[in-house]
Every structure is written in C-alpha cells, then in structure tokens.
Amino acid sequence: MRDVKKILERRSQNFSQRKIAEALKVSRDTVRKVSKAADENSICWSMIQNQNEMEVQKLLFVKETKLNLIIKQPDYQYIHKELLRPGTNNRLLWEEYTDYSALIDHAF
C-alpha cells in the first residue's frame, strides 16, 4: 500500500474520503482501510508525521505485517531439462510434483 502518510495527513485536514481518493489517485477502499486502521490503533497525524512510510504501515497494519510467507520457487532448470525429454509434458510434470508434494506434507 502506498501513500498511507498522505492519506492520514489529508484526513487530519478534514478532507472527505472521496476527495482524498481523487487527490492521491487511490481507491476509496484504500482510504477507508487506512482510516479504519488508524481509528482502531488510535493513530493520528501528529503521532506519525516524523516517521517514514514503512514505519507508519507497520503501526497501522500490525497483523498484516506479521504474516510472512515463504514460497519456494520451482526448479525451472530441472523443469526445462525434463520437458526436453521425449514423452514428457506439463501435465506429467504436474502430476509428479503433486505426488511429491503430498509425500512431503504427510511427512510433517
């Protein structure tokens, strides 16, 4: 999310959510989400005006920043090499992958 500080600054100047969205070229849902988070965490413009954008986002969206997913990327070199073999196609590789994933999931 971008412009969180600018949204809160304009909110402190009593701009409407519609005017803030138009001025900053963001959706009204974004403005609503930031406003709601600020209200829930009792954060106002004077508290955050000297902080950078990332610090403000962490203050507002504490629950969302704690979520840190690690997504393992496929081994593209292996996939490419396997696809060069005769009789191998994407579906066959997918079935192999899902079978392997199922074994890994049951191991834990």
Protein backbone atom coordinates (compact mmCIF):
# COMPACT_ATOMS: atom_id res chain seq x y z
CA MET A 1 0.00 0.00 0.00
CA ARG A 2 1.25 3.43 -0.79
CA ASP A 3 0.62 6.97 0.38
CA VAL A 4 -0.53 6.00 3.86
CA LYS A 5 1.03 9.11 5.36
CA LYS A 6 -0.55 11.34 2.73
CA ILE A 7 -3.94 9.78 3.39
CA LEU A 8 -3.62 10.41 7.12
CA GLU A 9 -2.37 13.94 6.54
CA ARG A 10 -5.37 14.84 4.37
CA ARG A 11 -7.66 13.11 6.82
CA SER A 12 -6.32 15.34 9.58
CA GLN A 13 -7.20 18.34 7.38
CA ASN A 14 -10.83 17.09 7.29
CA PHE A 15 -10.86 16.04 3.64
CA SER A 16 -13.59 13.56 2.76
CA GLN A 17 -12.61 10.02 1.80
CA ARG A 18 -13.77 10.71 -1.75
CA LYS A 19 -11.61 13.85 -2.02
CA ILE A 20 -8.58 12.03 -0.60
CA ALA A 21 -9.03 9.18 -3.08
CA GLU A 22 -9.33 11.58 -6.00
CA ALA A 23 -6.36 13.70 -4.95
CA LEU A 24 -4.00 10.77 -4.36
CA LYS A 25 -5.28 8.58 -7.20
CA VAL A 26 -6.09 5.67 -4.88
CA SER A 27 -9.33 3.79 -4.39
CA ARG A 28 -11.85 4.81 -1.77
CA ASP A 29 -11.48 1.32 -0.31
CA THR A 30 -7.81 2.05 0.32
CA VAL A 31 -8.65 5.31 2.05
CA ARG A 32 -11.33 3.55 4.09
CA LYS A 33 -8.93 0.76 5.08
CA VAL A 34 -6.25 3.21 6.22
CA SER A 35 -8.79 5.32 8.12
CA LYS A 36 -10.22 2.27 9.85
CA ALA A 37 -6.76 1.01 10.82
CA ALA A 38 -5.85 4.46 12.18
CA ASP A 39 -9.03 4.57 14.26
CA GLU A 40 -8.55 1.04 15.60
CA ASN A 41 -4.95 1.78 16.63
CA SER A 42 -5.70 5.33 17.86
CA ILE A 43 -3.17 6.85 15.49
CA CYS A 44 -3.39 10.45 14.36
CA TRP A 45 -1.31 12.59 12.02
CA SER A 46 0.64 14.33 14.79
CA MET A 47 1.91 10.96 16.04
CA ILE A 48 3.31 9.80 12.70
CA GLN A 49 4.30 12.93 10.77
CA ASN A 50 8.02 12.44 11.53
CA GLN A 51 8.07 8.73 10.68
CA ASN A 52 8.76 7.18 7.30
CA GLU A 53 6.15 5.36 5.22
CA MET A 54 7.22 1.84 6.23
CA GLU A 55 7.10 2.61 9.95
CA VAL A 56 3.61 4.04 9.58
CA GLN A 57 2.42 0.98 7.68
CA LYS A 58 3.81 -1.28 10.39
CA LEU A 59 1.97 0.72 13.05
CA LEU A 60 -1.32 0.61 11.20
CA PHE A 61 -1.24 -2.92 9.90
CA VAL A 62 0.46 -4.87 12.68
CA LYS A 63 -1.44 -8.09 11.98
CA GLU A 64 -0.77 -7.98 8.25
CA THR A 65 2.96 -7.34 8.61
CA LYS A 66 3.39 -10.35 10.89
CA LEU A 67 2.34 -12.68 8.10
CA ASN A 68 5.50 -13.73 6.30
CA LEU A 69 5.03 -16.49 3.77
CA ILE A 70 7.96 -18.29 2.28
CA ILE A 71 7.08 -19.56 -1.14
CA LYS A 72 9.51 -21.99 -2.65
CA GLN A 73 10.15 -21.32 -6.31
CA PRO A 74 10.10 -24.23 -8.75
CA ASP A 75 13.38 -25.52 -10.08
CA TYR A 76 13.00 -24.09 -13.58
CA GLN A 77 16.26 -25.58 -14.79
CA TYR A 78 15.01 -29.07 -13.87
CA ILE A 79 11.62 -28.43 -15.49
CA HIS A 80 13.22 -27.21 -18.69
CA LYS A 81 15.52 -30.24 -18.83
CA GLU A 82 12.63 -32.64 -18.20
CA LEU A 83 10.46 -31.03 -20.89
CA LEU A 84 13.21 -31.66 -23.45
CA ARG A 85 12.89 -35.39 -22.88
CA PRO A 86 10.60 -37.25 -25.30
CA GLY A 87 7.15 -38.08 -23.90
CA THR A 88 7.29 -35.51 -21.13
CA ASN A 89 4.69 -32.78 -20.95
CA ASN A 90 3.45 -30.20 -18.45
CA ARG A 91 0.71 -32.47 -17.14
CA LEU A 92 3.15 -35.29 -16.40
CA LEU A 93 5.46 -32.92 -14.54
CA TRP A 94 2.50 -31.51 -12.60
CA GLU A 95 1.40 -34.98 -11.53
CA GLU A 96 4.94 -35.76 -10.43
CA TYR A 97 5.06 -32.51 -8.48
CA THR A 98 1.72 -33.10 -6.72
CA ASP A 99 2.68 -36.65 -5.80
CA TYR A 100 5.96 -35.36 -4.34
CA SER A 101 4.18 -32.53 -2.50
CA ALA A 102 1.72 -34.97 -0.97
CA LEU A 103 4.59 -37.07 0.36
CA ILE A 104 6.28 -34.01 1.87
CA ASP A 105 3.04 -32.79 3.51
CA HIS A 106 2.42 -36.15 5.16
CA ALA A 107 5.98 -36.32 6.44
CA PHE A 108 5.38 -33.28 8.65
